[in-house]
Amino acid sequence: MTGIAEIAGETGLNGLDGYRMTVTRPTFPAPGHDHDRCTADAINHAVQVCERRAQKFTPIRRQVLQALLSSHRPLGAYEVIEELAKSMSRPAPITVYRALDFLMENGLVHRIESRNAFLACAHDHDDNAMVAFLICDRCGSVGEIPAGRVAQSLSDAARTTGFTPKLSVVEITGTCAHCQKAA
């Protein structure tokens, strides 16, 4: 299975910005992969991140992350609530939003802007690392690749017009290799 850095032609450096993104997972996991192992690895990664940052990985934060890890597809906040309601009393939306904020601040979850949804992230990259999201139109899975060079190019182009960029999100829709093979 091809890793993120291999696809981008990089060796872990996230483009020109020098921020690191460690490749530990394929861009799109195979449909028959060991999802329990995948989830356990992601939870373990979250525990380690929180320990390194002296942050509390509370039960609700863990449960929200586990709900997002239930598939490799982004979930909206209310879909997270529905997933949680299968195994516990339905949490209040503010509780889930606070947990999502914490998880995003610690690089454990990304927001997919075009879908108004959230995606668990088990990649070990710096907080400032720029990534691009590859969104499969067929299966809904989302992959993540380094995008430092793209972000730098966009930022430079914006600055030449006098515009000062604040946030750059790169989302690319298409068809993943698994869906292409199945077609």
N, C-alpha and C. Protein backbone atom coordinates (compact mmCIF):
# COMPACT_ATOMS: atom_id res chain seq x y z
N MET A 1 0.86 -1.18 0.00
CA MET A 1 0.00 0.00 0.00
C MET A 1 0.89 1.23 0.00
N THR A 2 0.58 2.21 -0.82
CA THR A 2 1.38 3.41 -0.95
C THR A 2 1.13 4.35 0.21
N GLY A 3 2.20 4.88 0.78
CA GLY A 3 2.09 5.83 1.89
C GLY A 3 1.94 7.25 1.40
N ILE A 4 1.61 8.12 2.30
CA ILE A 4 1.36 9.52 1.98
C ILE A 4 2.57 10.18 1.36
N ALA A 5 3.73 10.07 1.99
CA ALA A 5 4.92 10.74 1.48
C ALA A 5 5.33 10.18 0.13
N GLU A 6 5.12 8.88 -0.09
CA GLU A 6 5.48 8.29 -1.37
C GLU A 6 4.64 8.89 -2.48
N ILE A 7 3.36 9.12 -2.23
CA ILE A 7 2.49 9.71 -3.24
C ILE A 7 2.94 11.13 -3.55
N ALA A 8 3.31 11.87 -2.51
CA ALA A 8 3.68 13.27 -2.69
C ALA A 8 5.11 13.41 -3.19
N GLY A 9 5.87 12.32 -3.23
CA GLY A 9 7.24 12.40 -3.69
C GLY A 9 8.15 13.06 -2.66
N GLU A 10 7.76 13.03 -1.40
CA GLU A 10 8.52 13.67 -0.35
C GLU A 10 8.95 12.60 0.64
N THR A 11 9.89 12.91 1.50
CA THR A 11 10.37 11.96 2.49
C THR A 11 9.96 12.38 3.89
N GLY A 12 8.75 12.84 4.03
CA GLY A 12 8.27 13.23 5.34
C GLY A 12 8.21 14.73 5.53
N LEU A 13 8.96 15.50 4.74
CA LEU A 13 8.87 16.95 4.85
C LEU A 13 7.62 17.42 4.16
N ASN A 14 6.96 18.31 4.80
CA ASN A 14 5.70 18.82 4.26
C ASN A 14 6.00 20.02 3.36
N GLY A 15 6.52 19.76 2.20
CA GLY A 15 6.75 20.83 1.22
C GLY A 15 7.81 21.81 1.64
N LEU A 16 7.63 23.07 1.26
CA LEU A 16 8.62 24.11 1.49
C LEU A 16 8.62 24.64 2.91
N ASP A 17 7.57 24.40 3.66
CA ASP A 17 7.47 24.99 4.98
C ASP A 17 8.30 24.27 6.04
N GLY A 18 8.81 23.08 5.76
CA GLY A 18 9.69 22.39 6.67
C GLY A 18 9.00 21.66 7.82
N TYR A 19 7.69 21.70 7.89
CA TYR A 19 6.99 21.00 8.95
C TYR A 19 6.93 19.53 8.61
N ARG A 20 7.07 18.68 9.60
CA ARG A 20 7.12 17.25 9.39
C ARG A 20 5.75 16.59 9.45
N MET A 21 5.59 15.60 8.59
CA MET A 21 4.41 14.75 8.64
C MET A 21 4.92 13.32 8.53
N THR A 22 4.82 12.57 9.59
CA THR A 22 5.31 11.20 9.61
C THR A 22 4.29 10.28 8.98
N VAL A 23 4.75 9.48 8.05
CA VAL A 23 3.87 8.56 7.35
C VAL A 23 3.78 7.27 8.15
N THR A 24 2.58 6.96 8.64
CA THR A 24 2.38 5.73 9.40
C THR A 24 1.25 4.90 8.82
N ARG A 25 0.49 5.45 7.90
CA ARG A 25 -0.69 4.76 7.38
C ARG A 25 -0.81 5.01 5.88
N PRO A 26 -1.50 4.13 5.19
CA PRO A 26 -1.77 4.38 3.78
C PRO A 26 -2.75 5.56 3.64
N THR A 27 -2.72 6.21 2.50
CA THR A 27 -3.62 7.33 2.27
C THR A 27 -5.07 6.90 2.39
N PHE A 28 -5.42 5.79 1.74
CA PHE A 28 -6.76 5.21 1.84
C PHE A 28 -6.60 3.76 2.28
N PRO A 29 -7.03 3.42 3.49
CA PRO A 29 -6.91 2.02 3.93
C PRO A 29 -7.71 1.10 3.01
N ALA A 30 -7.19 -0.10 2.82
CA ALA A 30 -7.87 -1.09 2.00
C ALA A 30 -9.23 -1.41 2.63
N PRO A 31 -10.25 -1.66 1.81
CA PRO A 31 -11.58 -1.95 2.35
C PRO A 31 -11.59 -3.08 3.39
N GLY A 32 -10.73 -4.07 3.25
CA GLY A 32 -10.73 -5.19 4.18
C GLY A 32 -9.68 -5.09 5.28
N HIS A 33 -9.15 -3.89 5.52
CA HIS A 33 -8.09 -3.76 6.53
C HIS A 33 -8.62 -4.06 7.94
N ASP A 34 -7.72 -4.29 8.86
CA ASP A 34 -8.08 -4.58 10.25
C ASP A 34 -8.48 -3.26 10.92
N HIS A 35 -9.77 -2.95 10.86
CA HIS A 35 -10.25 -1.65 11.36
C HIS A 35 -10.12 -1.54 12.87
N ASP A 36 -10.28 -2.65 13.59
CA ASP A 36 -10.11 -2.61 15.04
C ASP A 36 -8.68 -2.20 15.40
N ARG A 37 -7.72 -2.74 14.68
CA ARG A 37 -6.31 -2.39 14.89
C ARG A 37 -6.08 -0.93 14.53
N CYS A 38 -6.64 -0.51 13.43
CA CYS A 38 -6.55 0.87 12.96
C CYS A 38 -7.07 1.82 14.04
N THR A 39 -8.23 1.51 14.61
CA THR A 39 -8.85 2.33 15.65
C THR A 39 -8.00 2.33 16.91
N ALA A 40 -7.53 1.16 17.32
CA ALA A 40 -6.68 1.05 18.52
C ALA A 40 -5.40 1.87 18.37
N ASP A 41 -4.79 1.81 17.19
CA ASP A 41 -3.58 2.60 16.93
C ASP A 41 -3.87 4.09 17.03
N ALA A 42 -5.00 4.52 16.49
CA ALA A 42 -5.37 5.95 16.52
C ALA A 42 -5.64 6.42 17.95
N ILE A 43 -6.30 5.59 18.74
CA ILE A 43 -6.56 5.95 20.14
C ILE A 43 -5.24 6.02 20.91
N ASN A 44 -4.36 5.05 20.67
CA ASN A 44 -3.05 5.06 21.31
C ASN A 44 -2.26 6.32 20.93
N HIS A 45 -2.33 6.70 19.67
CA HIS A 45 -1.68 7.93 19.21
C HIS A 45 -2.25 9.14 19.96
N ALA A 46 -3.56 9.19 20.12
CA ALA A 46 -4.21 10.30 20.83
C ALA A 46 -3.76 10.36 22.28
N VAL A 47 -3.67 9.21 22.93
CA VAL A 47 -3.20 9.15 24.32
C VAL A 47 -1.79 9.72 24.40
N GLN A 48 -0.92 9.31 23.48
CA GLN A 48 0.46 9.79 23.49
C GLN A 48 0.54 11.29 23.25
N VAL A 49 -0.24 11.80 22.31
CA VAL A 49 -0.25 13.24 22.03
C VAL A 49 -0.69 14.01 23.27
N CYS A 50 -1.75 13.55 23.91
CA CYS A 50 -2.26 14.24 25.11
C CYS A 50 -1.24 14.18 26.24
N GLU A 51 -0.58 13.04 26.41
CA GLU A 51 0.44 12.93 27.45
C GLU A 51 1.60 13.88 27.18
N ARG A 52 2.07 13.94 25.92
CA ARG A 52 3.17 14.84 25.56
C ARG A 52 2.83 16.30 25.83
N ARG A 53 1.56 16.64 25.65
CA ARG A 53 1.12 18.03 25.80
C ARG A 53 0.51 18.33 27.16
N ALA A 54 0.56 17.34 28.04
CA ALA A 54 -0.03 17.48 29.38
C ALA A 54 -1.51 17.88 29.30
N GLN A 55 -2.21 17.25 28.36
CA GLN A 55 -3.64 17.49 28.17
C GLN A 55 -4.41 16.28 28.69
N LYS A 56 -5.63 16.50 29.14
CA LYS A 56 -6.46 15.40 29.62
C LYS A 56 -7.27 14.80 28.47
N PHE A 57 -7.12 13.51 28.30
CA PHE A 57 -7.90 12.78 27.29
C PHE A 57 -9.08 12.17 28.03
N THR A 58 -10.09 12.99 28.26
CA THR A 58 -11.24 12.61 29.08
C THR A 58 -12.08 11.55 28.37
N PRO A 59 -12.95 10.88 29.13
CA PRO A 59 -13.80 9.85 28.50
C PRO A 59 -14.63 10.38 27.33
N ILE A 60 -15.22 11.56 27.45
CA ILE A 60 -16.04 12.08 26.34
C ILE A 60 -15.17 12.39 25.12
N ARG A 61 -13.96 12.90 25.33
CA ARG A 61 -13.06 13.17 24.20
C ARG A 61 -12.70 11.86 23.51
N ARG A 62 -12.42 10.83 24.30
CA ARG A 62 -12.10 9.51 23.74
C ARG A 62 -13.30 8.97 22.97
N GLN A 63 -14.50 9.10 23.53
CA GLN A 63 -15.71 8.57 22.89
C GLN A 63 -16.00 9.30 21.57
N VAL A 64 -15.79 10.62 21.55
CA VAL A 64 -16.00 11.38 20.31
C VAL A 64 -14.99 10.94 19.26
N LEU A 65 -13.74 10.77 19.66
CA LEU A 65 -12.73 10.31 18.72
C LEU A 65 -13.08 8.90 18.22
N GLN A 66 -13.51 8.03 19.11
CA GLN A 66 -13.89 6.68 18.69
C GLN A 66 -15.07 6.71 17.72
N ALA A 67 -16.01 7.61 17.94
CA ALA A 67 -17.14 7.74 17.00
C ALA A 67 -16.64 8.14 15.62
N LEU A 68 -15.69 9.08 15.58
CA LEU A 68 -15.13 9.50 14.30
C LEU A 68 -14.32 8.39 13.65
N LEU A 69 -13.74 7.54 14.47
CA LEU A 69 -12.93 6.43 13.95
C LEU A 69 -13.79 5.25 13.50
N SER A 70 -15.10 5.34 13.68
CA SER A 70 -15.98 4.23 13.31
C SER A 70 -15.94 3.95 11.81
N SER A 71 -15.48 4.91 11.03
CA SER A 71 -15.29 4.72 9.59
C SER A 71 -14.19 5.69 9.16
N HIS A 72 -13.82 5.63 7.92
CA HIS A 72 -12.82 6.57 7.41
C HIS A 72 -13.51 7.69 6.64
N ARG A 73 -14.71 7.99 7.07
CA ARG A 73 -15.49 9.05 6.44
C ARG A 73 -15.69 10.18 7.44
N PRO A 74 -15.78 11.41 6.96
CA PRO A 74 -16.05 12.51 7.88
C PRO A 74 -17.49 12.45 8.40
N LEU A 75 -17.68 12.84 9.64
CA LEU A 75 -19.00 12.88 10.26
C LEU A 75 -19.31 14.29 10.73
N GLY A 76 -20.55 14.71 10.57
CA GLY A 76 -21.00 15.96 11.13
C GLY A 76 -21.18 15.79 12.63
N ALA A 77 -21.26 16.89 13.35
CA ALA A 77 -21.40 16.83 14.81
C ALA A 77 -22.62 16.03 15.24
N TYR A 78 -23.73 16.21 14.53
CA TYR A 78 -24.93 15.47 14.91
C TYR A 78 -24.84 13.99 14.54
N GLU A 79 -24.05 13.66 13.53
CA GLU A 79 -23.78 12.25 13.23
C GLU A 79 -22.92 11.64 14.34
N VAL A 80 -22.00 12.43 14.89
CA VAL A 80 -21.20 11.96 16.03
C VAL A 80 -22.12 11.68 17.20
N ILE A 81 -23.06 12.59 17.45
CA ILE A 81 -24.02 12.39 18.54
C ILE A 81 -24.82 11.11 18.33
N GLU A 82 -25.28 10.87 17.10
CA GLU A 82 -26.03 9.63 16.80
C GLU A 82 -25.17 8.40 17.03
N GLU A 83 -23.92 8.46 16.64
CA GLU A 83 -23.01 7.33 16.84
C GLU A 83 -22.80 7.08 18.34
N LEU A 84 -22.63 8.15 19.11
CA LEU A 84 -22.45 8.01 20.56
C LEU A 84 -23.71 7.46 21.23
N ALA A 85 -24.87 7.87 20.73
CA ALA A 85 -26.14 7.46 21.33
C ALA A 85 -26.36 5.95 21.23
N LYS A 86 -25.61 5.27 20.38
CA LYS A 86 -25.72 3.81 20.26
C LYS A 86 -25.18 3.09 21.49
N SER A 87 -24.26 3.77 22.22
CA SER A 87 -23.61 3.09 23.35
C SER A 87 -23.69 3.86 24.67
N MET A 88 -24.34 5.02 24.67
CA MET A 88 -24.44 5.82 25.89
C MET A 88 -25.64 6.74 25.77
N SER A 89 -25.96 7.44 26.84
CA SER A 89 -27.06 8.41 26.72
C SER A 89 -26.61 9.54 25.79
N ARG A 90 -27.56 10.06 25.05
CA ARG A 90 -27.28 11.07 24.02
C ARG A 90 -26.63 12.31 24.67
N PRO A 91 -25.39 12.64 24.26
CA PRO A 91 -24.73 13.82 24.84
C PRO A 91 -25.31 15.11 24.24
N ALA A 92 -25.20 16.18 24.99
CA ALA A 92 -25.65 17.48 24.50
C ALA A 92 -24.72 17.93 23.37
N PRO A 93 -25.25 18.62 22.37
CA PRO A 93 -24.40 19.10 21.27
C PRO A 93 -23.19 19.92 21.74
N ILE A 94 -23.38 20.77 22.74
CA ILE A 94 -22.26 21.59 23.22
C ILE A 94 -21.12 20.72 23.75
N THR A 95 -21.47 19.60 24.37
CA THR A 95 -20.46 18.68 24.89
C THR A 95 -19.64 18.10 23.74
N VAL A 96 -20.32 17.71 22.67
CA VAL A 96 -19.63 17.15 21.51
C VAL A 96 -18.79 18.22 20.82
N TYR A 97 -19.34 19.42 20.66
CA TYR A 97 -18.57 20.51 20.03
C TYR A 97 -17.32 20.85 20.83
N ARG A 98 -17.43 20.85 22.15
CA ARG A 98 -16.24 21.13 22.99
C ARG A 98 -15.19 20.04 22.82
N ALA A 99 -15.63 18.79 22.77
CA ALA A 99 -14.69 17.69 22.56
C ALA A 99 -14.04 17.80 21.18
N LEU A 100 -14.83 18.14 20.16
CA LEU A 100 -14.29 18.31 18.81
C LEU A 100 -13.28 19.45 18.77
N ASP A 101 -13.57 20.56 19.45
CA ASP A 101 -12.62 21.68 19.52
C ASP A 101 -11.30 21.23 20.13
N PHE A 102 -11.37 20.50 21.24
CA PHE A 102 -10.17 19.99 21.89
C PHE A 102 -9.38 19.09 20.93
N LEU A 103 -10.08 18.16 20.29
CA LEU A 103 -9.43 17.22 19.39
C LEU A 103 -8.79 17.94 18.20
N MET A 104 -9.45 18.97 17.68
CA MET A 104 -8.87 19.75 16.57
C MET A 104 -7.64 20.53 17.05
N GLU A 105 -7.74 21.16 18.22
CA GLU A 105 -6.62 21.93 18.75
C GLU A 105 -5.39 21.06 18.97
N ASN A 106 -5.58 19.79 19.20
CA ASN A 106 -4.47 18.88 19.44
C ASN A 106 -4.10 18.04 18.24
N GLY A 107 -4.63 18.39 17.06
CA GLY A 107 -4.26 17.73 15.82
C GLY A 107 -4.77 16.31 15.69
N LEU A 108 -5.81 15.97 16.45
CA LEU A 108 -6.34 14.62 16.41
C LEU A 108 -7.57 14.50 15.51
N VAL A 109 -8.10 15.63 15.11
CA VAL A 109 -9.27 15.70 14.23
C VAL A 109 -9.08 16.87 13.28
N HIS A 110 -9.50 16.69 12.05
CA HIS A 110 -9.52 17.78 11.06
C HIS A 110 -10.98 18.10 10.73
N ARG A 111 -11.21 19.34 10.34
CA ARG A 111 -12.54 19.73 9.87
C ARG A 111 -12.51 19.72 8.35
N ILE A 112 -13.43 19.02 7.76
CA ILE A 112 -13.58 19.01 6.30
C ILE A 112 -14.59 20.10 5.98
N GLU A 113 -14.10 21.23 5.55
CA GLU A 113 -14.92 22.44 5.37
C GLU A 113 -16.07 22.22 4.41
N SER A 114 -15.80 21.59 3.27
CA SER A 114 -16.83 21.44 2.24
C SER A 114 -17.98 20.54 2.68
N ARG A 115 -17.75 19.72 3.68
CA ARG A 115 -18.76 18.79 4.16
C ARG A 115 -19.31 19.20 5.52
N ASN A 116 -18.75 20.27 6.10
CA ASN A 116 -19.11 20.69 7.45
C ASN A 116 -19.07 19.47 8.38
N ALA A 117 -17.95 18.75 8.30
CA ALA A 117 -17.82 17.49 9.02
C ALA A 117 -16.40 17.37 9.57
N PHE A 118 -16.20 16.35 10.37
CA PHE A 118 -14.94 16.15 11.07
C PHE A 118 -14.38 14.78 10.75
N LEU A 119 -13.05 14.70 10.72
CA LEU A 119 -12.36 13.47 10.37
C LEU A 119 -11.26 13.21 11.39
N ALA A 120 -11.23 12.00 11.94
CA ALA A 120 -10.16 11.62 12.86
C ALA A 120 -8.84 11.61 12.11
N CYS A 121 -7.78 12.04 12.78
CA CYS A 121 -6.44 12.06 12.17
C CYS A 121 -5.48 11.29 13.05
N ALA A 122 -4.88 10.25 12.51
CA ALA A 122 -3.91 9.47 13.26
C ALA A 122 -2.50 9.70 12.74
N HIS A 123 -2.35 10.67 11.85
CA HIS A 123 -1.02 10.99 11.32
C HIS A 123 -0.28 11.84 12.33
N ASP A 124 0.99 11.60 12.43
CA ASP A 124 1.81 12.34 13.38
C ASP A 124 2.46 13.50 12.64
N HIS A 125 1.73 14.61 12.56
CA HIS A 125 2.31 15.78 11.91
C HIS A 125 2.22 16.98 12.82
N ASP A 126 3.08 17.96 12.55
CA ASP A 126 3.09 19.19 13.34
C ASP A 126 1.75 19.88 13.21
N ASP A 127 1.42 20.68 14.23
CA ASP A 127 0.17 21.44 14.21
C ASP A 127 0.08 22.35 12.99
N ASN A 128 1.23 22.85 12.55
CA ASN A 128 1.26 23.81 11.44
C ASN A 128 1.42 23.16 10.08
N ALA A 129 1.48 21.84 10.03
CA ALA A 129 1.65 21.14 8.76
C ALA A 129 0.41 21.35 7.89
N MET A 130 0.64 21.69 6.66
CA MET A 130 -0.47 21.87 5.72
C MET A 130 -0.73 20.54 5.03
N VAL A 131 -1.97 20.12 5.05
CA VAL A 131 -2.35 18.88 4.38
C VAL A 131 -3.47 19.17 3.40
N ALA A 132 -3.60 18.28 2.44
CA ALA A 132 -4.72 18.33 1.50
C ALA A 132 -5.56 17.09 1.75
N PHE A 133 -6.86 17.25 1.62
CA PHE A 133 -7.78 16.15 1.82
C PHE A 133 -8.25 15.64 0.47
N LEU A 134 -8.14 14.34 0.27
CA LEU A 134 -8.61 13.69 -0.94
C LEU A 134 -9.93 13.02 -0.59
N ILE A 135 -11.01 13.50 -1.17
CA ILE A 135 -12.35 13.04 -0.80
C ILE A 135 -12.91 12.21 -1.94
N CYS A 136 -13.16 10.92 -1.66
CA CYS A 136 -13.70 10.03 -2.68
C CYS A 136 -15.20 10.26 -2.82
N ASP A 137 -15.61 10.59 -4.03
CA ASP A 137 -17.03 10.83 -4.31
C ASP A 137 -17.87 9.56 -4.23
N ARG A 138 -17.24 8.41 -4.43
CA ARG A 138 -18.00 7.16 -4.45
C ARG A 138 -18.21 6.58 -3.05
N CYS A 139 -17.13 6.38 -2.30
CA CYS A 139 -17.26 5.71 -1.00
C CYS A 139 -17.28 6.68 0.18
N GLY A 140 -16.91 7.93 -0.06
CA GLY A 140 -16.94 8.93 1.01
C GLY A 140 -15.70 8.94 1.88
N SER A 141 -14.76 8.04 1.64
CA SER A 141 -13.52 8.03 2.42
C SER A 141 -12.71 9.28 2.13
N VAL A 142 -11.90 9.65 3.11
CA VAL A 142 -11.05 10.83 2.97
C VAL A 142 -9.62 10.44 3.28
N GLY A 143 -8.72 10.77 2.37
CA GLY A 143 -7.29 10.57 2.58
C GLY A 143 -6.63 11.91 2.85
N GLU A 144 -5.42 11.84 3.35
CA GLU A 144 -4.69 13.04 3.75
C GLU A 144 -3.27 12.95 3.19
N ILE A 145 -2.84 14.01 2.49
CA ILE A 145 -1.48 14.03 1.95
C ILE A 145 -0.81 15.36 2.32
N PRO A 146 0.53 15.39 2.35
CA PRO A 146 1.23 16.65 2.61
C PRO A 146 0.94 17.64 1.49
N ALA A 147 0.77 18.90 1.85
CA ALA A 147 0.44 19.92 0.83
C ALA A 147 1.16 21.23 1.07
N GLY A 148 2.32 21.17 1.69
CA GLY A 148 3.07 22.39 1.99
C GLY A 148 3.39 23.22 0.77
N ARG A 149 3.80 22.55 -0.29
CA ARG A 149 4.17 23.28 -1.52
C ARG A 149 2.95 23.96 -2.14
N VAL A 150 1.84 23.25 -2.15
CA VAL A 150 0.60 23.81 -2.70
C VAL A 150 0.17 25.02 -1.87
N ALA A 151 0.19 24.87 -0.57
CA ALA A 151 -0.21 25.96 0.33
C ALA A 151 0.68 27.17 0.15
N GLN A 152 1.98 26.93 0.03
CA GLN A 152 2.91 28.05 -0.16
C GLN A 152 2.64 28.76 -1.48
N SER A 153 2.38 28.00 -2.54
CA SER A 153 2.07 28.60 -3.85
C SER A 153 0.79 29.44 -3.78
N LEU A 154 -0.24 28.89 -3.14
CA LEU A 154 -1.49 29.63 -3.01
C LEU A 154 -1.31 30.89 -2.17
N SER A 155 -0.57 30.77 -1.09
CA SER A 155 -0.32 31.91 -0.22
C SER A 155 0.46 32.99 -0.97
N ASP A 156 1.48 32.59 -1.71
CA ASP A 156 2.26 33.55 -2.49
C ASP A 156 1.40 34.25 -3.54
N ALA A 157 0.57 33.48 -4.24
CA ALA A 157 -0.31 34.06 -5.26
C ALA A 157 -1.28 35.06 -4.63
N ALA A 158 -1.83 34.71 -3.48
CA ALA A 158 -2.76 35.62 -2.80
C ALA A 158 -2.05 36.90 -2.37
N ARG A 159 -0.84 36.77 -1.85
CA ARG A 159 -0.10 37.94 -1.37
C ARG A 159 0.26 38.90 -2.52
N THR A 160 0.49 38.35 -3.72
CA THR A 160 0.82 39.23 -4.85
C THR A 160 -0.34 40.15 -5.22
N THR A 161 -1.55 39.78 -4.80
CA THR A 161 -2.71 40.63 -5.08
C THR A 161 -2.99 41.60 -3.93
N GLY A 162 -2.16 41.51 -2.87
CA GLY A 162 -2.38 42.35 -1.71
C GLY A 162 -3.26 41.71 -0.65
N PHE A 163 -3.64 40.47 -0.88
CA PHE A 163 -4.49 39.74 0.04
C PHE A 163 -3.62 39.03 1.08
N THR A 164 -4.02 39.08 2.34
CA THR A 164 -3.29 38.38 3.40
C THR A 164 -4.08 37.14 3.81
N PRO A 165 -3.62 35.96 3.40
CA PRO A 165 -4.35 34.74 3.73
C PRO A 165 -4.27 34.42 5.22
N LYS A 166 -5.37 33.90 5.73
CA LYS A 166 -5.43 33.52 7.14
C LYS A 166 -5.52 32.01 7.28
N LEU A 167 -6.33 31.39 6.48
CA LEU A 167 -6.53 29.94 6.55
C LEU A 167 -6.63 29.40 5.15
N SER A 168 -5.91 28.33 4.91
CA SER A 168 -5.94 27.69 3.60
C SER A 168 -6.31 26.23 3.78
N VAL A 169 -7.39 25.82 3.16
CA VAL A 169 -7.85 24.44 3.22
C VAL A 169 -7.88 23.91 1.79
N VAL A 170 -7.21 22.79 1.56
CA VAL A 170 -7.20 22.20 0.23
C VAL A 170 -7.98 20.89 0.30
N GLU A 171 -9.06 20.82 -0.45
CA GLU A 171 -9.88 19.62 -0.53
C GLU A 171 -10.04 19.26 -2.00
N ILE A 172 -9.70 18.03 -2.31
CA ILE A 172 -9.75 17.56 -3.69
C ILE A 172 -10.73 16.39 -3.77
N THR A 173 -11.73 16.50 -4.61
CA THR A 173 -12.68 15.40 -4.78
C THR A 173 -12.30 14.58 -6.00
N GLY A 174 -12.66 13.33 -5.95
CA GLY A 174 -12.34 12.43 -7.05
C GLY A 174 -12.73 11.01 -6.65
N THR A 175 -12.00 10.03 -7.18
CA THR A 175 -12.28 8.62 -6.91
C THR A 175 -11.01 7.95 -6.40
N CYS A 176 -11.12 7.30 -5.24
CA CYS A 176 -9.96 6.62 -4.66
C CYS A 176 -9.60 5.38 -5.50
N ALA A 177 -8.39 4.89 -5.29
CA ALA A 177 -7.92 3.73 -6.05
C ALA A 177 -8.77 2.49 -5.78
N HIS A 178 -9.27 2.33 -4.57
CA HIS A 178 -10.09 1.16 -4.25
C HIS A 178 -11.39 1.17 -5.06
N CYS A 179 -12.02 2.34 -5.15
CA CYS A 179 -13.27 2.45 -5.92
C CYS A 179 -13.02 2.31 -7.40
N GLN A 180 -11.87 2.80 -7.88
CA GLN A 180 -11.52 2.64 -9.29
C GLN A 180 -11.36 1.18 -9.66
N LYS A 181 -10.72 0.41 -8.75
CA LYS A 181 -10.54 -1.02 -9.00
C LYS A 181 -11.86 -1.76 -8.99
N ALA A 182 -12.77 -1.32 -8.13
CA ALA A 182 -14.07 -2.00 -7.99
C ALA A 182 -15.01 -1.70 -9.15
N ALA A 183 -14.72 -0.62 -9.87
CA ALA A 183 -15.63 -0.21 -10.97
C ALA A 183 -15.48 -1.08 -12.20
